[in-house]
N, C-alpha and C. Protein backbone atom coordinates (compact mmCIF):
# COMPACT_ATOMS: atom_id res chain seq x y z
N MET A 1 163.34 86.28 -69.66
CA MET A 1 163.30 85.03 -69.02
C MET A 1 162.93 84.05 -70.04
N LYS A 2 163.62 82.89 -70.01
CA LYS A 2 163.39 81.77 -70.95
C LYS A 2 162.13 81.03 -70.52
N ARG A 3 161.25 80.63 -71.41
CA ARG A 3 160.14 79.90 -71.27
C ARG A 3 160.40 78.47 -70.97
N LEU A 4 159.74 77.85 -69.93
CA LEU A 4 160.01 76.45 -69.66
C LEU A 4 159.24 75.62 -70.76
N LYS A 5 159.96 74.51 -71.12
CA LYS A 5 159.37 73.52 -72.16
C LYS A 5 159.50 72.13 -71.79
N ILE A 6 158.59 71.33 -72.02
CA ILE A 6 158.63 69.88 -71.89
C ILE A 6 159.15 69.24 -73.11
N THR A 7 160.42 68.86 -73.12
CA THR A 7 161.11 68.41 -74.30
C THR A 7 160.87 66.88 -74.58
N ASN A 8 160.45 66.15 -73.50
CA ASN A 8 160.17 64.74 -73.71
C ASN A 8 159.02 64.36 -72.81
N THR A 9 157.87 64.03 -73.37
CA THR A 9 156.66 63.84 -72.59
C THR A 9 156.66 62.37 -72.00
N HIS A 10 157.58 61.53 -72.49
CA HIS A 10 157.66 60.12 -72.03
C HIS A 10 156.32 59.42 -72.19
N GLY A 11 155.51 59.88 -73.18
CA GLY A 11 154.23 59.23 -73.38
C GLY A 11 153.11 59.72 -72.56
N TRP A 12 153.36 60.81 -71.75
CA TRP A 12 152.25 61.29 -70.90
C TRP A 12 151.60 62.50 -71.59
N THR A 13 150.31 62.40 -71.47
CA THR A 13 149.43 63.52 -72.05
C THR A 13 148.90 64.33 -70.89
N ILE A 14 148.31 65.47 -71.14
CA ILE A 14 147.82 66.36 -70.06
C ILE A 14 146.75 65.58 -69.34
N LYS A 15 145.91 64.91 -70.14
CA LYS A 15 144.84 64.31 -69.50
C LYS A 15 145.26 63.14 -68.49
N ARG A 16 146.21 62.36 -68.99
CA ARG A 16 146.81 61.22 -68.20
C ARG A 16 147.48 61.78 -66.99
N LEU A 17 148.19 62.95 -67.09
CA LEU A 17 148.87 63.51 -65.99
C LEU A 17 147.80 64.02 -64.93
N ARG A 18 146.78 64.57 -65.45
CA ARG A 18 145.72 65.04 -64.49
C ARG A 18 145.16 63.88 -63.73
N GLN A 19 144.87 62.77 -64.43
CA GLN A 19 144.39 61.55 -63.78
C GLN A 19 145.41 61.00 -62.72
N LYS A 20 146.56 60.96 -63.09
CA LYS A 20 147.73 60.50 -62.13
C LYS A 20 147.79 61.43 -60.93
N GLU A 21 147.65 62.69 -61.21
CA GLU A 21 147.74 63.71 -60.16
C GLU A 21 146.61 63.45 -59.06
N ARG A 22 145.43 63.13 -59.62
CA ARG A 22 144.35 62.86 -58.69
C ARG A 22 144.46 61.60 -57.86
N MET A 23 145.26 60.68 -58.28
CA MET A 23 145.51 59.40 -57.62
C MET A 23 146.65 59.57 -56.54
N ILE A 24 147.43 60.50 -56.61
CA ILE A 24 148.55 60.62 -55.81
C ILE A 24 148.03 61.23 -54.41
N LYS A 25 148.27 60.55 -53.29
CA LYS A 25 147.88 61.02 -51.95
C LYS A 25 148.84 62.01 -51.36
N ASP A 26 150.03 61.90 -51.60
CA ASP A 26 151.12 62.81 -51.02
C ASP A 26 150.96 64.16 -51.74
N ALA A 27 150.56 65.25 -50.94
CA ALA A 27 150.37 66.57 -51.51
C ALA A 27 151.60 67.08 -52.15
N PHE A 28 152.73 66.88 -51.57
CA PHE A 28 154.06 67.41 -52.16
C PHE A 28 154.27 66.85 -53.58
N LEU A 29 154.08 65.51 -53.77
CA LEU A 29 154.31 64.87 -55.03
C LEU A 29 153.21 65.34 -55.98
N ARG A 30 152.00 65.39 -55.58
CA ARG A 30 150.91 65.80 -56.40
C ARG A 30 151.18 67.24 -56.97
N GLN A 31 151.76 68.13 -56.11
CA GLN A 31 152.11 69.38 -56.55
C GLN A 31 153.18 69.42 -57.64
N ARG A 32 154.17 68.41 -57.63
CA ARG A 32 155.10 68.32 -58.67
C ARG A 32 154.43 67.97 -59.98
N VAL A 33 153.50 66.97 -59.97
CA VAL A 33 152.81 66.55 -61.23
C VAL A 33 152.02 67.68 -61.77
N ALA A 34 151.36 68.46 -60.87
CA ALA A 34 150.49 69.60 -61.28
C ALA A 34 151.42 70.67 -61.94
N ALA A 35 152.67 70.91 -61.42
CA ALA A 35 153.44 71.90 -62.04
C ALA A 35 153.85 71.47 -63.52
N VAL A 36 154.25 70.20 -63.64
CA VAL A 36 154.53 69.76 -64.96
C VAL A 36 153.35 69.80 -65.91
N ARG A 37 152.20 69.44 -65.48
CA ARG A 37 151.01 69.39 -66.22
C ARG A 37 150.66 70.93 -66.74
N LEU A 38 150.81 71.78 -65.73
CA LEU A 38 150.47 73.15 -66.13
C LEU A 38 151.44 73.75 -67.16
N VAL A 39 152.75 73.35 -67.08
CA VAL A 39 153.71 73.82 -67.99
C VAL A 39 153.40 73.13 -69.42
N MET A 40 152.83 71.87 -69.42
CA MET A 40 152.53 71.29 -70.64
C MET A 40 151.30 71.92 -71.20
N GLU A 41 150.40 72.49 -70.39
CA GLU A 41 149.18 73.21 -70.85
C GLU A 41 149.68 74.59 -71.42
N GLY A 42 150.81 75.05 -71.27
CA GLY A 42 151.29 76.35 -71.84
C GLY A 42 151.47 77.46 -70.95
N TYR A 43 151.32 77.22 -69.62
CA TYR A 43 151.61 78.25 -68.63
C TYR A 43 153.09 78.52 -68.46
N THR A 44 153.47 79.79 -68.19
CA THR A 44 154.82 80.08 -67.81
C THR A 44 155.20 79.59 -66.49
N GLY A 45 156.56 79.49 -66.18
CA GLY A 45 157.05 79.05 -64.86
C GLY A 45 156.54 80.11 -63.84
N GLN A 46 156.51 81.34 -64.11
CA GLN A 46 155.96 82.26 -63.08
C GLN A 46 154.49 82.08 -62.80
N GLU A 47 153.71 81.87 -63.84
CA GLU A 47 152.30 81.67 -63.57
C GLU A 47 152.05 80.38 -62.80
N VAL A 48 152.80 79.31 -63.10
CA VAL A 48 152.66 78.05 -62.42
C VAL A 48 153.03 78.18 -60.92
N SER A 49 154.21 78.96 -60.77
CA SER A 49 154.60 79.20 -59.31
C SER A 49 153.68 79.97 -58.54
N ALA A 50 153.05 80.96 -59.18
CA ALA A 50 152.02 81.74 -58.52
C ALA A 50 150.69 80.92 -58.21
N THR A 51 150.36 80.19 -59.17
CA THR A 51 149.19 79.28 -59.02
C THR A 51 149.31 78.32 -57.81
N LEU A 52 150.45 77.60 -57.84
CA LEU A 52 150.74 76.63 -56.80
C LEU A 52 151.43 77.14 -55.59
N THR A 53 151.74 78.40 -55.49
CA THR A 53 152.44 79.06 -54.40
C THR A 53 153.75 78.31 -54.13
N ILE A 54 154.57 78.09 -55.11
CA ILE A 54 155.88 77.61 -54.94
C ILE A 54 156.86 78.43 -55.67
N HIS A 55 158.15 78.27 -55.38
CA HIS A 55 159.12 79.06 -56.03
C HIS A 55 159.27 78.74 -57.48
N ARG A 56 159.52 79.72 -58.28
CA ARG A 56 159.62 79.48 -59.78
C ARG A 56 160.87 78.51 -60.08
N GLN A 57 161.87 78.52 -59.28
CA GLN A 57 162.99 77.56 -59.45
C GLN A 57 162.63 76.12 -59.20
N SER A 58 161.67 75.99 -58.32
CA SER A 58 161.14 74.65 -58.03
C SER A 58 160.45 74.08 -59.23
N VAL A 59 159.67 74.96 -59.95
CA VAL A 59 158.91 74.58 -61.11
C VAL A 59 159.89 74.13 -62.16
N ALA A 60 160.93 74.97 -62.26
CA ALA A 60 162.02 74.67 -63.35
C ALA A 60 162.67 73.36 -63.05
N SER A 61 162.96 73.14 -61.78
CA SER A 61 163.67 71.80 -61.47
C SER A 61 162.67 70.59 -61.68
N TYR A 62 161.40 70.80 -61.43
CA TYR A 62 160.37 69.68 -61.75
C TYR A 62 160.33 69.40 -63.15
N VAL A 63 160.34 70.40 -63.97
CA VAL A 63 160.27 70.27 -65.50
C VAL A 63 161.64 69.55 -65.92
N LYS A 64 162.76 69.98 -65.35
CA LYS A 64 163.99 69.35 -65.76
C LYS A 64 163.96 67.90 -65.39
N LYS A 65 163.50 67.53 -64.10
CA LYS A 65 163.49 66.11 -63.83
C LYS A 65 162.53 65.30 -64.62
N PHE A 66 161.35 65.95 -65.01
CA PHE A 66 160.39 65.20 -65.81
C PHE A 66 161.08 65.01 -67.25
N ASN A 67 161.68 66.00 -67.82
CA ASN A 67 162.38 65.87 -69.09
C ASN A 67 163.41 64.80 -69.11
N GLU A 68 164.14 64.74 -68.07
CA GLU A 68 165.22 63.75 -68.00
C GLU A 68 164.80 62.21 -67.80
N GLY A 69 163.90 61.98 -66.83
CA GLY A 69 163.53 60.73 -66.53
C GLY A 69 161.98 60.39 -66.45
N GLY A 70 161.19 61.29 -66.84
CA GLY A 70 159.71 61.01 -66.75
C GLY A 70 159.21 61.21 -65.37
N LEU A 71 157.99 60.47 -65.22
CA LEU A 71 157.32 60.58 -63.98
C LEU A 71 158.13 59.84 -62.86
N PRO A 72 158.77 58.77 -63.06
CA PRO A 72 159.49 58.19 -61.97
C PRO A 72 160.59 59.10 -61.39
N GLU A 73 161.30 59.79 -62.25
CA GLU A 73 162.32 60.75 -61.90
C GLU A 73 161.70 61.93 -61.09
N LEU A 74 160.46 62.36 -61.54
CA LEU A 74 159.80 63.46 -60.94
C LEU A 74 159.32 63.03 -59.48
N LEU A 75 158.84 61.96 -59.41
CA LEU A 75 158.28 61.47 -58.11
C LEU A 75 159.37 60.91 -57.14
N ALA A 76 160.52 60.77 -57.54
CA ALA A 76 161.64 60.24 -56.72
C ALA A 76 161.99 61.31 -55.61
N ARG A 77 162.01 61.01 -54.39
CA ARG A 77 162.28 61.92 -53.33
C ARG A 77 163.58 61.36 -52.62
N ASN A 78 164.59 62.12 -52.79
CA ASN A 78 165.99 61.72 -52.21
C ASN A 78 165.98 62.42 -50.86
N VAL A 79 165.55 61.77 -49.81
CA VAL A 79 165.55 62.40 -48.50
C VAL A 79 166.91 62.15 -47.90
N PRO A 80 167.56 63.21 -47.41
CA PRO A 80 168.88 63.08 -46.82
C PRO A 80 168.71 62.22 -45.44
N PRO A 81 169.68 61.42 -45.12
CA PRO A 81 169.52 60.79 -43.81
C PRO A 81 169.57 61.76 -42.64
N GLY A 82 168.80 61.30 -41.62
CA GLY A 82 168.76 62.22 -40.47
C GLY A 82 169.89 62.15 -39.49
N LYS A 83 169.75 62.64 -38.27
CA LYS A 83 170.82 62.71 -37.30
C LYS A 83 171.05 61.28 -36.81
N GLU A 84 172.25 60.96 -36.48
CA GLU A 84 172.62 59.73 -35.83
C GLU A 84 171.74 59.53 -34.61
N PRO A 85 171.11 58.34 -34.45
CA PRO A 85 170.39 58.15 -33.21
C PRO A 85 171.35 58.14 -31.97
N TYR A 86 170.80 58.45 -30.79
CA TYR A 86 171.61 58.38 -29.64
C TYR A 86 172.01 56.97 -29.13
N LEU A 87 171.08 56.12 -29.45
CA LEU A 87 171.31 54.60 -29.16
C LEU A 87 171.44 53.81 -30.42
N SER A 88 172.35 52.78 -30.36
CA SER A 88 172.52 51.97 -31.47
C SER A 88 171.23 51.03 -31.54
N ALA A 89 171.13 50.27 -32.60
CA ALA A 89 169.97 49.33 -32.74
C ALA A 89 169.97 48.35 -31.59
N GLU A 90 171.21 47.88 -31.20
CA GLU A 90 171.18 46.84 -30.16
C GLU A 90 170.74 47.45 -28.87
N GLN A 91 171.22 48.72 -28.50
CA GLN A 91 170.91 49.35 -27.31
C GLN A 91 169.37 49.55 -27.28
N GLN A 92 168.73 49.97 -28.39
CA GLN A 92 167.37 50.24 -28.49
C GLN A 92 166.55 48.93 -28.22
N ALA A 93 167.07 47.86 -28.80
CA ALA A 93 166.42 46.56 -28.53
C ALA A 93 166.53 46.21 -27.01
N GLU A 94 167.64 46.47 -26.40
CA GLU A 94 167.85 46.13 -25.09
C GLU A 94 166.97 47.04 -24.21
N LEU A 95 166.82 48.30 -24.55
CA LEU A 95 165.96 49.24 -23.83
C LEU A 95 164.53 48.77 -23.87
N LYS A 96 164.08 48.32 -25.05
CA LYS A 96 162.74 47.77 -25.15
C LYS A 96 162.55 46.53 -24.35
N ARG A 97 163.51 45.65 -24.42
CA ARG A 97 163.45 44.49 -23.44
C ARG A 97 163.34 44.86 -21.98
N ILE A 98 164.18 45.83 -21.48
CA ILE A 98 164.12 46.21 -20.14
C ILE A 98 162.79 46.82 -19.84
N ILE A 99 162.21 47.64 -20.66
CA ILE A 99 160.94 48.34 -20.33
C ILE A 99 159.76 47.27 -20.33
N LEU A 100 159.89 46.28 -21.17
CA LEU A 100 158.83 45.27 -21.18
C LEU A 100 158.90 44.31 -20.16
N GLU A 101 160.16 43.90 -19.70
CA GLU A 101 160.25 42.79 -18.76
C GLU A 101 160.64 43.14 -17.38
N THR A 102 161.03 44.37 -17.13
CA THR A 102 161.44 44.76 -15.77
C THR A 102 160.75 46.04 -15.34
N THR A 103 160.85 46.34 -14.07
CA THR A 103 160.41 47.52 -13.48
C THR A 103 161.60 48.52 -13.18
N PRO A 104 161.31 49.83 -13.09
CA PRO A 104 162.37 50.71 -12.62
C PRO A 104 163.10 50.31 -11.33
N GLU A 105 162.32 49.74 -10.38
CA GLU A 105 162.96 49.32 -9.15
C GLU A 105 163.96 48.23 -9.34
N GLU A 106 163.58 47.29 -10.26
CA GLU A 106 164.44 46.17 -10.54
C GLU A 106 165.90 46.61 -11.17
N GLN A 107 165.70 47.77 -11.92
CA GLN A 107 166.90 48.36 -12.50
C GLN A 107 167.69 49.26 -11.62
N GLY A 108 167.28 49.50 -10.43
CA GLY A 108 167.90 50.21 -9.34
C GLY A 108 167.60 51.70 -9.53
N ILE A 109 166.44 51.98 -10.08
CA ILE A 109 166.14 53.42 -10.17
C ILE A 109 164.93 53.71 -9.29
N GLY A 110 165.10 54.06 -8.07
CA GLY A 110 164.02 54.34 -7.12
C GLY A 110 163.11 53.23 -6.83
N VAL A 111 161.91 53.56 -6.30
CA VAL A 111 160.88 52.58 -5.91
C VAL A 111 159.67 52.67 -6.91
N TYR A 112 159.84 53.05 -8.15
CA TYR A 112 158.77 53.19 -9.06
C TYR A 112 158.33 51.82 -9.65
N ALA A 113 157.04 51.79 -9.90
CA ALA A 113 156.50 50.43 -10.35
C ALA A 113 156.30 50.48 -11.97
N SER A 114 156.31 51.68 -12.53
CA SER A 114 156.11 51.73 -13.93
C SER A 114 156.93 52.75 -14.55
N TRP A 115 157.09 52.57 -15.92
CA TRP A 115 158.14 53.53 -16.61
C TRP A 115 157.45 54.80 -17.10
N ASP A 116 158.12 55.87 -17.08
CA ASP A 116 157.64 57.08 -17.77
C ASP A 116 158.95 57.68 -18.33
N SER A 117 158.76 58.76 -19.16
CA SER A 117 159.87 59.36 -19.84
C SER A 117 160.97 59.85 -18.90
N ARG A 118 160.67 60.41 -17.74
CA ARG A 118 161.58 60.95 -16.78
C ARG A 118 162.44 59.73 -16.18
N ILE A 119 161.82 58.56 -15.91
CA ILE A 119 162.60 57.51 -15.32
C ILE A 119 163.45 56.89 -16.48
N ILE A 120 162.93 56.83 -17.73
CA ILE A 120 163.80 56.34 -18.80
C ILE A 120 164.97 57.26 -19.12
N GLN A 121 164.73 58.50 -18.99
CA GLN A 121 165.77 59.47 -19.11
C GLN A 121 166.91 59.21 -18.17
N GLU A 122 166.50 58.86 -16.91
CA GLU A 122 167.48 58.47 -15.83
C GLU A 122 168.25 57.15 -16.08
N LEU A 123 167.49 56.26 -16.69
CA LEU A 123 168.15 54.96 -17.04
C LEU A 123 169.10 55.08 -18.17
N LEU A 124 168.73 55.90 -19.14
CA LEU A 124 169.68 56.18 -20.27
C LEU A 124 171.05 56.73 -19.73
N ALA A 125 170.87 57.71 -18.92
CA ALA A 125 172.07 58.38 -18.37
C ALA A 125 172.92 57.41 -17.54
N LYS A 126 172.27 56.57 -16.75
CA LYS A 126 172.87 55.72 -15.89
C LYS A 126 173.54 54.52 -16.58
N LYS A 127 172.85 53.89 -17.58
CA LYS A 127 173.25 52.71 -18.23
C LYS A 127 174.28 52.97 -19.45
N TRP A 128 173.91 54.06 -20.24
CA TRP A 128 174.76 54.30 -21.44
C TRP A 128 175.43 55.68 -21.51
N GLY A 129 175.18 56.53 -20.49
CA GLY A 129 175.77 57.84 -20.42
C GLY A 129 175.13 58.71 -21.55
N VAL A 130 173.92 58.48 -21.83
CA VAL A 130 173.23 59.27 -22.97
C VAL A 130 172.26 60.23 -22.30
N SER A 131 172.30 61.46 -22.73
CA SER A 131 171.36 62.53 -22.23
C SER A 131 170.47 62.76 -23.32
N MET A 132 169.10 62.41 -23.18
CA MET A 132 168.08 62.76 -24.23
C MET A 132 167.02 63.59 -23.53
N SER A 133 166.28 64.37 -24.39
CA SER A 133 165.16 65.16 -23.88
C SER A 133 164.01 64.18 -23.71
N ARG A 134 162.99 64.54 -22.83
CA ARG A 134 161.88 63.61 -22.64
C ARG A 134 161.06 63.51 -23.89
N GLY A 135 160.93 64.59 -24.72
CA GLY A 135 160.33 64.59 -25.98
C GLY A 135 160.94 63.58 -26.91
N GLY A 136 162.30 63.62 -26.93
CA GLY A 136 163.04 62.68 -27.85
C GLY A 136 162.84 61.25 -27.42
N ILE A 137 162.70 61.10 -26.14
CA ILE A 137 162.46 59.66 -25.55
C ILE A 137 161.17 59.18 -26.04
N THR A 138 160.05 60.04 -25.92
CA THR A 138 158.71 59.47 -26.33
C THR A 138 158.66 59.38 -27.84
N HIS A 139 159.41 60.08 -28.70
CA HIS A 139 159.44 59.79 -30.05
C HIS A 139 160.14 58.48 -30.27
N MET A 140 161.29 58.15 -29.65
CA MET A 140 161.93 56.93 -29.70
C MET A 140 161.11 55.74 -29.32
N LEU A 141 160.30 55.95 -28.20
CA LEU A 141 159.44 54.82 -27.76
C LEU A 141 158.37 54.60 -28.80
N HIS A 142 157.94 55.71 -29.46
CA HIS A 142 156.89 55.44 -30.55
C HIS A 142 157.52 54.66 -31.66
N ARG A 143 158.74 54.99 -32.00
CA ARG A 143 159.36 54.23 -33.15
C ARG A 143 159.62 52.71 -32.71
N LEU A 144 159.74 52.48 -31.40
CA LEU A 144 159.88 51.09 -30.97
C LEU A 144 158.57 50.41 -30.68
N ASN A 145 157.50 51.09 -31.12
CA ASN A 145 156.09 50.55 -31.04
C ASN A 145 155.72 50.28 -29.50
N LEU A 146 156.14 51.23 -28.71
CA LEU A 146 155.80 51.19 -27.28
C LEU A 146 154.96 52.39 -26.99
N SER A 147 154.07 52.23 -26.13
CA SER A 147 153.12 53.38 -25.68
C SER A 147 152.96 53.12 -24.15
N TYR A 148 152.57 54.13 -23.49
CA TYR A 148 152.35 54.00 -22.06
C TYR A 148 150.90 54.28 -21.78
N THR A 149 150.38 53.61 -20.67
CA THR A 149 149.07 53.93 -20.13
C THR A 149 149.18 54.24 -18.75
N ARG A 150 148.39 55.07 -18.26
CA ARG A 150 148.30 55.44 -16.87
C ARG A 150 147.35 54.39 -16.14
N PRO A 151 147.77 54.02 -14.92
CA PRO A 151 146.85 53.09 -14.21
C PRO A 151 145.58 53.82 -13.84
N THR A 152 144.44 53.09 -13.85
CA THR A 152 143.17 53.59 -13.45
C THR A 152 142.93 53.09 -12.02
N TYR A 153 142.18 53.97 -11.32
CA TYR A 153 141.98 53.64 -9.91
C TYR A 153 140.58 52.96 -9.82
N ILE A 154 140.60 51.93 -8.93
CA ILE A 154 139.29 51.31 -8.58
C ILE A 154 139.06 51.61 -7.11
N LEU A 155 137.95 52.30 -6.92
CA LEU A 155 137.59 52.60 -5.54
C LEU A 155 137.13 51.35 -4.80
N ALA A 156 137.75 50.87 -3.75
CA ALA A 156 137.43 49.69 -3.06
C ALA A 156 136.15 49.78 -2.35
N LYS A 157 135.91 50.98 -1.77
CA LYS A 157 134.66 51.22 -0.96
C LYS A 157 133.50 51.71 -1.77
N ALA A 158 133.47 51.74 -3.06
CA ALA A 158 132.39 52.20 -3.92
C ALA A 158 131.13 51.55 -3.77
N ASP A 159 130.06 52.29 -3.61
CA ASP A 159 128.68 51.65 -3.52
C ASP A 159 128.03 51.64 -4.86
N GLN A 160 127.78 50.45 -5.43
CA GLN A 160 127.31 50.34 -6.74
C GLN A 160 125.86 50.86 -6.86
N GLU A 161 125.05 50.63 -5.89
CA GLU A 161 123.70 51.05 -5.91
C GLU A 161 123.65 52.71 -5.96
N LYS A 162 124.47 53.33 -5.10
CA LYS A 162 124.54 54.72 -5.11
C LYS A 162 125.00 55.32 -6.47
N GLN A 163 125.92 54.63 -7.07
CA GLN A 163 126.37 55.10 -8.38
C GLN A 163 125.22 54.96 -9.37
N ALA A 164 124.56 53.86 -9.39
CA ALA A 164 123.44 53.59 -10.39
C ALA A 164 122.44 54.66 -10.17
N ARG A 165 122.02 55.02 -8.91
CA ARG A 165 121.07 56.10 -8.55
C ARG A 165 121.54 57.45 -9.18
N PHE A 166 122.80 57.72 -9.03
CA PHE A 166 123.42 58.98 -9.46
C PHE A 166 123.36 59.12 -11.04
N VAL A 167 123.64 57.93 -11.72
CA VAL A 167 123.55 58.03 -13.17
C VAL A 167 122.11 58.23 -13.60
N LYS A 168 121.13 57.61 -12.97
CA LYS A 168 119.70 57.88 -13.31
C LYS A 168 119.41 59.31 -13.13
N GLN A 169 119.83 59.76 -11.94
CA GLN A 169 119.43 61.25 -11.53
C GLN A 169 120.08 62.15 -12.66
N LEU A 170 121.38 61.87 -13.11
CA LEU A 170 122.05 62.66 -13.96
C LEU A 170 121.31 62.61 -15.38
N ASP A 171 120.82 61.47 -15.80
CA ASP A 171 120.10 61.33 -17.05
C ASP A 171 118.87 62.22 -16.99
N MET A 172 118.07 62.18 -15.89
CA MET A 172 116.89 62.92 -15.74
C MET A 172 117.29 64.45 -15.75
N ILE A 173 118.24 64.86 -15.20
CA ILE A 173 118.69 66.37 -15.24
C ILE A 173 118.92 66.74 -16.68
N LYS A 174 119.72 65.83 -17.38
CA LYS A 174 120.02 66.14 -18.78
C LYS A 174 118.77 66.22 -19.66
N LYS A 175 117.83 65.21 -19.52
CA LYS A 175 116.56 65.34 -20.18
C LYS A 175 115.76 66.62 -19.92
N THR A 176 115.71 66.98 -18.68
CA THR A 176 114.92 68.17 -18.24
C THR A 176 115.58 69.41 -18.87
N LEU A 177 116.91 69.51 -18.79
CA LEU A 177 117.49 70.69 -19.41
C LEU A 177 117.39 70.63 -20.91
N TYR A 178 117.39 69.52 -21.52
CA TYR A 178 117.22 69.46 -22.99
C TYR A 178 115.81 69.93 -23.38
N ARG A 179 114.83 69.56 -22.65
CA ARG A 179 113.45 69.95 -22.94
C ARG A 179 113.26 71.46 -22.78
N GLN A 180 113.95 71.99 -21.70
CA GLN A 180 113.81 73.41 -21.41
C GLN A 180 114.34 74.32 -22.56
N HIS A 181 115.42 73.79 -23.19
CA HIS A 181 116.09 74.55 -24.29
C HIS A 181 115.49 74.31 -25.64
N ASP A 182 114.82 73.20 -25.81
CA ASP A 182 114.23 72.90 -27.08
C ASP A 182 112.70 73.22 -27.11
N PRO A 183 112.27 74.34 -27.80
CA PRO A 183 110.92 74.74 -27.79
C PRO A 183 109.90 73.66 -28.36
N ALA A 184 110.39 72.84 -29.21
CA ALA A 184 109.46 71.91 -29.82
C ALA A 184 109.15 70.82 -28.83
N LEU A 185 110.01 70.60 -27.78
CA LEU A 185 109.68 69.53 -26.84
C LEU A 185 108.84 69.92 -25.61
N ARG A 186 108.69 71.29 -25.46
CA ARG A 186 108.00 71.83 -24.31
C ARG A 186 106.58 71.39 -24.48
N GLY A 187 105.95 71.03 -23.29
CA GLY A 187 104.54 70.61 -23.37
C GLY A 187 103.47 71.45 -22.74
């Protein structure tokens, strides 16, 4: 098996690569720089792949990229485009407007007062003929910078004094239990 070689250092030394490696926050990219640095230090591709727990062909491709274009080429990540979204950008903008400005009842979907993924799923099917999973809907809402909150209940007949007494009583119970379990506090 042929030994990997760095044919063009592009002005990078082992010390500078180690410093750069420490500054990179993305673990995947940091691993690439570490692989090149270890090859520069004289390790074989198999030793580097065993040390970093990556495939030896990955090490070879990292060395090749570094030789061709230096660190910028090594750190370039060409991510393939993902799946086409179910809704166009205009439809997503309209969905966001609908969620922010109307209720499900105003859209003719039951007598609901607030939106959830199940109701949005129904709206998408009704308005655009799109069938999405509820998980996909929550991811899309996250990308649209939308989040949902559940309403909290306010008890109309709540007795404030009774609640305050209960909180005091609870604190006393906690203190008593704490003292019982901590030998240093027993008197």
